[in-house]
Each structure stands twice: as C-alpha cells, then as structure tokens.
Amino acid sequence: MEQYNVTGMSCAACSTRVEKAVSSVPGVTGCAVSLLTNSMGVEGTASAEDIIKAVEKAGYGASC
C-alpha cells in the first residue's frame, strides 16, 4: 500500500470526495483516506502521478 499526504481536507465530506476521486483512477484497487492524519493509503497499479492528479482535480493537495 502506497502512502500519501493529503492537504486541504477539513471534514468527512472532504475525505469522501478524495476517496471517490482516487478510486475512479484506472488501476486503483483500494483507497483509504484518514481525515485525522491527513493521509491516504492506495492499493493497485496506478502511478503516483495519476493519483496526485486525481486528488488535485478534486480540489485538494497530495504528495508521496
């Protein structure tokens, strides 16, 4: 599982939005977002670049 830092989340709806955005990326088989730690774990074969782009498109920031 690849770990990412996520910035800009302030509520449960934010973390849900990030989770949905990342889950829709081709190659992602699992995604778990933690609002408490501002982190996200992603499983699958999608590239880090594609995952970060999906988070940014949803209106948040992400880094490896």
PDB file of N, CA and C in Angstrom:
ATOM      1  N   MET A   1       0.842  -1.194   0.000  1.00  0.00           N
ATOM      2  CA  MET A   1       0.000   0.000   0.000  1.00  0.00           C
ATOM      3  C   MET A   1       0.880   1.247   0.000  1.00  0.00           C
ATOM      4  N   GLU A   2       0.630   2.116  -0.961  1.00  0.00           N
ATOM      5  CA  GLU A   2       1.381   3.374  -1.104  1.00  0.00           C
ATOM      6  C   GLU A   2       0.729   4.436  -0.218  1.00  0.00           C
ATOM      7  N   GLN A   3       1.550   5.170   0.527  1.00  0.00           N
ATOM      8  CA  GLN A   3       1.026   6.204   1.428  1.00  0.00           C
ATOM      9  C   GLN A   3       1.228   7.597   0.828  1.00  0.00           C
ATOM     10  N   TYR A   4       0.236   8.461   1.015  1.00  0.00           N
ATOM     11  CA  TYR A   4       0.286   9.841   0.527  1.00  0.00           C
ATOM     12  C   TYR A   4      -0.146  10.778   1.633  1.00  0.00           C
ATOM     13  N   ASN A   5       0.374  12.000   1.606  1.00  0.00           N
ATOM     14  CA  ASN A   5      -0.110  13.071   2.471  1.00  0.00           C
ATOM     15  C   ASN A   5      -1.144  13.851   1.671  1.00  0.00           C
ATOM     16  N   VAL A   6      -2.259  14.182   2.309  1.00  0.00           N
ATOM     17  CA  VAL A   6      -3.314  14.931   1.635  1.00  0.00           C
ATOM     18  C   VAL A   6      -3.525  16.241   2.390  1.00  0.00           C
ATOM     19  N   THR A   7      -3.580  17.346   1.667  1.00  0.00           N
ATOM     20  CA  THR A   7      -3.788  18.650   2.303  1.00  0.00           C
ATOM     21  C   THR A   7      -5.103  19.255   1.844  1.00  0.00           C
ATOM     22  N   GLY A   8      -5.675  20.105   2.689  1.00  0.00           N
ATOM     23  CA  GLY A   8      -6.885  20.837   2.323  1.00  0.00           C
ATOM     24  C   GLY A   8      -8.177  20.220   2.812  1.00  0.00           C
ATOM     25  N   MET A   9      -8.127  19.046   3.431  1.00  0.00           N
ATOM     26  CA  MET A   9      -9.354  18.422   3.923  1.00  0.00           C
ATOM     27  C   MET A   9      -9.738  19.007   5.279  1.00  0.00           C
ATOM     28  N   SER A  10     -11.047  19.287   5.446  1.00  0.00           N
ATOM     29  CA  SER A  10     -11.491  19.850   6.721  1.00  0.00           C
ATOM     30  C   SER A  10     -12.685  19.115   7.324  1.00  0.00           C
ATOM     31  N   CYS A  11     -13.258  18.162   6.592  1.00  0.00           N
ATOM     32  CA  CYS A  11     -14.432  17.458   7.116  1.00  0.00           C
ATOM     33  C   CYS A  11     -14.548  16.077   6.480  1.00  0.00           C
ATOM     34  N   ALA A  12     -15.491  15.287   6.963  1.00  0.00           N
ATOM     35  CA  ALA A  12     -15.688  13.932   6.453  1.00  0.00           C
ATOM     36  C   ALA A  12     -16.076  13.941   4.976  1.00  0.00           C
ATOM     37  N   ALA A  13     -16.827  14.951   4.555  1.00  0.00           N
ATOM     38  CA  ALA A  13     -17.214  15.036   3.139  1.00  0.00           C
ATOM     39  C   ALA A  13     -15.981  15.224   2.258  1.00  0.00           C
ATOM     40  N   CYS A  14     -14.985  15.952   2.759  1.00  0.00           N
ATOM     41  CA  CYS A  14     -13.740  16.153   2.008  1.00  0.00           C
ATOM     42  C   CYS A  14     -13.036  14.818   1.800  1.00  0.00           C
ATOM     43  N   SER A  15     -12.898  14.040   2.862  1.00  0.00           N
ATOM     44  CA  SER A  15     -12.186  12.776   2.746  1.00  0.00           C
ATOM     45  C   SER A  15     -12.946  11.810   1.839  1.00  0.00           C
ATOM     46  N   THR A  16     -14.263  11.860   1.879  1.00  0.00           N
ATOM     47  CA  THR A  16     -15.078  11.021   0.994  1.00  0.00           C
ATOM     48  C   THR A  16     -14.877  11.419  -0.457  1.00  0.00           C
ATOM     49  N   ARG A  17     -14.808  12.724  -0.718  1.00  0.00           N
ATOM     50  CA  ARG A  17     -14.606  13.222  -2.075  1.00  0.00           C
ATOM     51  C   ARG A  17     -13.253  12.773  -2.621  1.00  0.00           C
ATOM     52  N   VAL A  18     -12.213  12.845  -1.786  1.00  0.00           N
ATOM     53  CA  VAL A  18     -10.877  12.412  -2.198  1.00  0.00           C
ATOM     54  C   VAL A  18     -10.890  10.911  -2.478  1.00  0.00           C
ATOM     55  N   GLU A  19     -11.525  10.144  -1.593  1.00  0.00           N
ATOM     56  CA  GLU A  19     -11.582   8.690  -1.756  1.00  0.00           C
ATOM     57  C   GLU A  19     -12.285   8.306  -3.061  1.00  0.00           C
ATOM     58  N   LYS A  20     -13.387   8.969  -3.370  1.00  0.00           N
ATOM     59  CA  LYS A  20     -14.108   8.680  -4.613  1.00  0.00           C
ATOM     60  C   LYS A  20     -13.273   9.039  -5.832  1.00  0.00           C
ATOM     61  N   ALA A  21     -12.594  10.192  -5.777  1.00  0.00           N
ATOM     62  CA  ALA A  21     -11.780  10.638  -6.906  1.00  0.00           C
ATOM     63  C   ALA A  21     -10.645   9.650  -7.189  1.00  0.00           C
ATOM     64  N   VAL A  22      -9.974   9.214  -6.136  1.00  0.00           N
ATOM     65  CA  VAL A  22      -8.847   8.301  -6.311  1.00  0.00           C
ATOM     66  C   VAL A  22      -9.328   6.908  -6.714  1.00  0.00           C
ATOM     67  N   SER A  23     -10.440   6.472  -6.171  1.00  0.00           N
ATOM     68  CA  SER A  23     -10.974   5.146  -6.504  1.00  0.00           C
ATOM     69  C   SER A  23     -11.354   5.037  -7.973  1.00  0.00           C
ATOM     70  N   SER A  24     -11.648   6.177  -8.608  1.00  0.00           N
ATOM     71  CA  SER A  24     -12.042   6.158 -10.018  1.00  0.00           C
ATOM     72  C   SER A  24     -10.843   6.125 -10.977  1.00  0.00           C
ATOM     73  N   VAL A  25      -9.630   6.255 -10.440  1.00  0.00           N
ATOM     74  CA  VAL A  25      -8.429   6.210 -11.282  1.00  0.00           C
ATOM     75  C   VAL A  25      -8.199   4.768 -11.749  1.00  0.00           C
ATOM     76  N   PRO A  26      -8.016   4.559 -13.058  1.00  0.00           N
ATOM     77  CA  PRO A  26      -7.750   3.198 -13.554  1.00  0.00           C
ATOM     78  C   PRO A  26      -6.519   2.599 -12.877  1.00  0.00           C
ATOM     79  N   GLY A  27      -6.654   1.373 -12.387  1.00  0.00           N
ATOM     80  CA  GLY A  27      -5.539   0.699 -11.736  1.00  0.00           C
ATOM     81  C   GLY A  27      -5.596   0.737 -10.225  1.00  0.00           C
ATOM     82  N   VAL A  28      -6.450   1.583  -9.652  1.00  0.00           N
ATOM     83  CA  VAL A  28      -6.584   1.649  -8.198  1.00  0.00           C
ATOM     84  C   VAL A  28      -7.564   0.564  -7.754  1.00  0.00           C
ATOM     85  N   THR A  29      -7.111  -0.302  -6.846  1.00  0.00           N
ATOM     86  CA  THR A  29      -7.962  -1.384  -6.353  1.00  0.00           C
ATOM     87  C   THR A  29      -8.480  -1.118  -4.951  1.00  0.00           C
ATOM     88  N   GLY A  30      -7.873  -0.168  -4.249  1.00  0.00           N
ATOM     89  CA  GLY A  30      -8.328   0.176  -2.911  1.00  0.00           C
ATOM     90  C   GLY A  30      -7.791   1.527  -2.494  1.00  0.00           C
ATOM     91  N   CYS A  31      -8.605   2.243  -1.707  1.00  0.00           N
ATOM     92  CA  CYS A  31      -8.190   3.569  -1.248  1.00  0.00           C
ATOM     93  C   CYS A  31      -8.809   3.823   0.122  1.00  0.00           C
ATOM     94  N   ALA A  32      -7.995   4.249   1.074  1.00  0.00           N
ATOM     95  CA  ALA A  32      -8.482   4.589   2.406  1.00  0.00           C
ATOM     96  C   ALA A  32      -7.909   5.944   2.797  1.00  0.00           C
ATOM     97  N   VAL A  33      -8.800   6.902   3.070  1.00  0.00           N
ATOM     98  CA  VAL A  33      -8.389   8.261   3.428  1.00  0.00           C
ATOM     99  C   VAL A  33      -8.643   8.482   4.911  1.00  0.00           C
ATOM    100  N   SER A  34      -7.669   9.052   5.605  1.00  0.00           N
ATOM    101  CA  SER A  34      -7.821   9.384   7.017  1.00  0.00           C
ATOM    102  C   SER A  34      -7.812  10.892   7.193  1.00  0.00           C
ATOM    103  N   LEU A  35      -8.951  11.427   7.607  1.00  0.00           N
ATOM    104  CA  LEU A  35      -9.055  12.867   7.866  1.00  0.00           C
ATOM    105  C   LEU A  35      -8.205  13.238   9.082  1.00  0.00           C
ATOM    106  N   LEU A  36      -8.176  12.357  10.063  1.00  0.00           N
ATOM    107  CA  LEU A  36      -7.453  12.616  11.309  1.00  0.00           C
ATOM    108  C   LEU A  36      -5.964  12.844  11.084  1.00  0.00           C
ATOM    109  N   THR A  37      -5.365  12.042  10.207  1.00  0.00           N
ATOM    110  CA  THR A  37      -3.920  12.151   9.970  1.00  0.00           C
ATOM    111  C   THR A  37      -3.593  12.825   8.633  1.00  0.00           C
ATOM    112  N   ASN A  38      -4.635  13.263   7.895  1.00  0.00           N
ATOM    113  CA  ASN A  38      -4.444  13.864   6.579  1.00  0.00           C
ATOM    114  C   ASN A  38      -3.581  12.980   5.693  1.00  0.00           C
ATOM    115  N   SER A  39      -3.913  11.693   5.699  1.00  0.00           N
ATOM    116  CA  SER A  39      -3.147  10.750   4.890  1.00  0.00           C
ATOM    117  C   SER A  39      -4.083   9.838   4.107  1.00  0.00           C
ATOM    118  N   MET A  40      -3.489   9.105   3.174  1.00  0.00           N
ATOM    119  CA  MET A  40      -4.268   8.225   2.313  1.00  0.00           C
ATOM    120  C   MET A  40      -3.403   7.031   1.943  1.00  0.00           C
ATOM    121  N   GLY A  41      -3.996   5.859   1.982  1.00  0.00           N
ATOM    122  CA  GLY A  41      -3.324   4.649   1.534  1.00  0.00           C
ATOM    123  C   GLY A  41      -3.995   4.172   0.258  1.00  0.00           C
ATOM    124  N   VAL A  42      -3.199   3.858  -0.755  1.00  0.00           N
ATOM    125  CA  VAL A  42      -3.749   3.444  -2.049  1.00  0.00           C
ATOM    126  C   VAL A  42      -3.121   2.126  -2.468  1.00  0.00           C
ATOM    127  N   GLU A  43      -3.971   1.193  -2.916  1.00  0.00           N
ATOM    128  CA  GLU A  43      -3.502  -0.086  -3.439  1.00  0.00           C
ATOM    129  C   GLU A  43      -3.801  -0.148  -4.929  1.00  0.00           C
ATOM    130  N   GLY A  44      -2.937  -0.819  -5.669  1.00  0.00           N
ATOM    131  CA  GLY A  44      -3.169  -1.000  -7.096  1.00  0.00           C
ATOM    132  C   GLY A  44      -1.945  -0.669  -7.917  1.00  0.00           C
ATOM    133  N   THR A  45      -2.175  -0.562  -9.221  1.00  0.00           N
ATOM    134  CA  THR A  45      -1.068  -0.365 -10.153  1.00  0.00           C
ATOM    135  C   THR A  45      -1.014   1.049 -10.746  1.00  0.00           C
ATOM    136  N   ALA A  46      -1.891   1.934 -10.300  1.00  0.00           N
ATOM    137  CA  ALA A  46      -1.908   3.310 -10.824  1.00  0.00           C
ATOM    138  C   ALA A  46      -0.633   4.041 -10.405  1.00  0.00           C
ATOM    139  N   SER A  47      -0.182   4.948 -11.264  1.00  0.00           N
ATOM    140  CA  SER A  47       1.039   5.703 -10.951  1.00  0.00           C
ATOM    141  C   SER A  47       0.737   6.782  -9.918  1.00  0.00           C
ATOM    142  N   ALA A  48       1.775   7.157  -9.171  1.00  0.00           N
ATOM    143  CA  ALA A  48       1.638   8.208  -8.173  1.00  0.00           C
ATOM    144  C   ALA A  48       1.184   9.506  -8.834  1.00  0.00           C
ATOM    145  N   GLU A  49       1.684   9.759 -10.034  1.00  0.00           N
ATOM    146  CA  GLU A  49       1.325  10.978 -10.770  1.00  0.00           C
ATOM    147  C   GLU A  49      -0.183  11.029 -11.036  1.00  0.00           C
ATOM    148  N   ASP A  50      -0.770   9.895 -11.474  1.00  0.00           N
ATOM    149  CA  ASP A  50      -2.200   9.853 -11.759  1.00  0.00           C
ATOM    150  C   ASP A  50      -3.027  10.028 -10.486  1.00  0.00           C
ATOM    151  N   ILE A  51      -2.557   9.442  -9.398  1.00  0.00           N
ATOM    152  CA  ILE A  51      -3.276   9.546  -8.125  1.00  0.00           C
ATOM    153  C   ILE A  51      -3.252  10.986  -7.618  1.00  0.00           C
ATOM    154  N   ILE A  52      -2.091  11.612  -7.673  1.00  0.00           N
ATOM    155  CA  ILE A  52      -1.970  13.004  -7.217  1.00  0.00           C
ATOM    156  C   ILE A  52      -2.815  13.928  -8.093  1.00  0.00           C
ATOM    157  N   LYS A  53      -2.838  13.685  -9.403  1.00  0.00           N
ATOM    158  CA  LYS A  53      -3.675  14.489 -10.306  1.00  0.00           C
ATOM    159  C   LYS A  53      -5.148  14.376  -9.939  1.00  0.00           C
ATOM    160  N   ALA A  54      -5.596  13.168  -9.591  1.00  0.00           N
ATOM    161  CA  ALA A  54      -6.999  12.952  -9.219  1.00  0.00           C
ATOM    162  C   ALA A  54      -7.350  13.723  -7.947  1.00  0.00           C
ATOM    163  N   VAL A  55      -6.434  13.727  -6.982  1.00  0.00           N
ATOM    164  CA  VAL A  55      -6.658  14.467  -5.729  1.00  0.00           C
ATOM    165  C   VAL A  55      -6.715  15.965  -6.024  1.00  0.00           C
ATOM    166  N   GLU A  56      -5.804  16.448  -6.856  1.00  0.00           N
ATOM    167  CA  GLU A  56      -5.776  17.872  -7.195  1.00  0.00           C
ATOM    168  C   GLU A  56      -7.016  18.286  -7.979  1.00  0.00           C
ATOM    169  N   LYS A  57      -7.492  17.410  -8.861  1.00  0.00           N
ATOM    170  CA  LYS A  57      -8.705  17.703  -9.627  1.00  0.00           C
ATOM    171  C   LYS A  57      -9.912  17.819  -8.712  1.00  0.00           C
ATOM    172  N   ALA A  58      -9.882  17.071  -7.600  1.00  0.00           N
ATOM    173  CA  ALA A  58     -10.980  17.121  -6.622  1.00  0.00           C
ATOM    174  C   ALA A  58     -10.877  18.374  -5.744  1.00  0.00           C
ATOM    175  N   GLY A  59      -9.773  19.111  -5.866  1.00  0.00           N
ATOM    176  CA  GLY A  59      -9.635  20.368  -5.137  1.00  0.00           C
ATOM    177  C   GLY A  59      -8.747  20.316  -3.907  1.00  0.00           C
ATOM    178  N   TYR A  60      -7.925  19.278  -3.800  1.00  0.00           N
ATOM    179  CA  TYR A  60      -7.063  19.117  -2.637  1.00  0.00           C
ATOM    180  C   TYR A  60      -5.631  18.936  -3.089  1.00  0.00           C
ATOM    181  N   GLY A  61      -4.708  18.842  -2.142  1.00  0.00           N
ATOM    182  CA  GLY A  61      -3.311  18.634  -2.480  1.00  0.00           C
ATOM    183  C   GLY A  61      -2.861  17.270  -2.019  1.00  0.00           C
ATOM    184  N   ALA A  62      -1.868  16.700  -2.688  1.00  0.00           N
ATOM    185  CA  ALA A  62      -1.328  15.398  -2.292  1.00  0.00           C
ATOM    186  C   ALA A  62       0.145  15.307  -2.632  1.00  0.00           C
ATOM    187  N   SER A  63       0.865  14.536  -1.830  1.00  0.00           N
ATOM    188  CA  SER A  63       2.276  14.261  -2.089  1.00  0.00           C
ATOM    189  C   SER A  63       2.606  12.875  -1.559  1.00  0.00           C
ATOM    190  N   CYS A  64       3.681  12.307  -2.113  1.00  0.00           N
ATOM    191  CA  CYS A  64       4.112  10.954  -1.703  1.00  0.00           C
ATOM    192  C   CYS A  64       4.823  11.014  -0.377  1.00  0.00           C
TER     193      CYS A  64
END
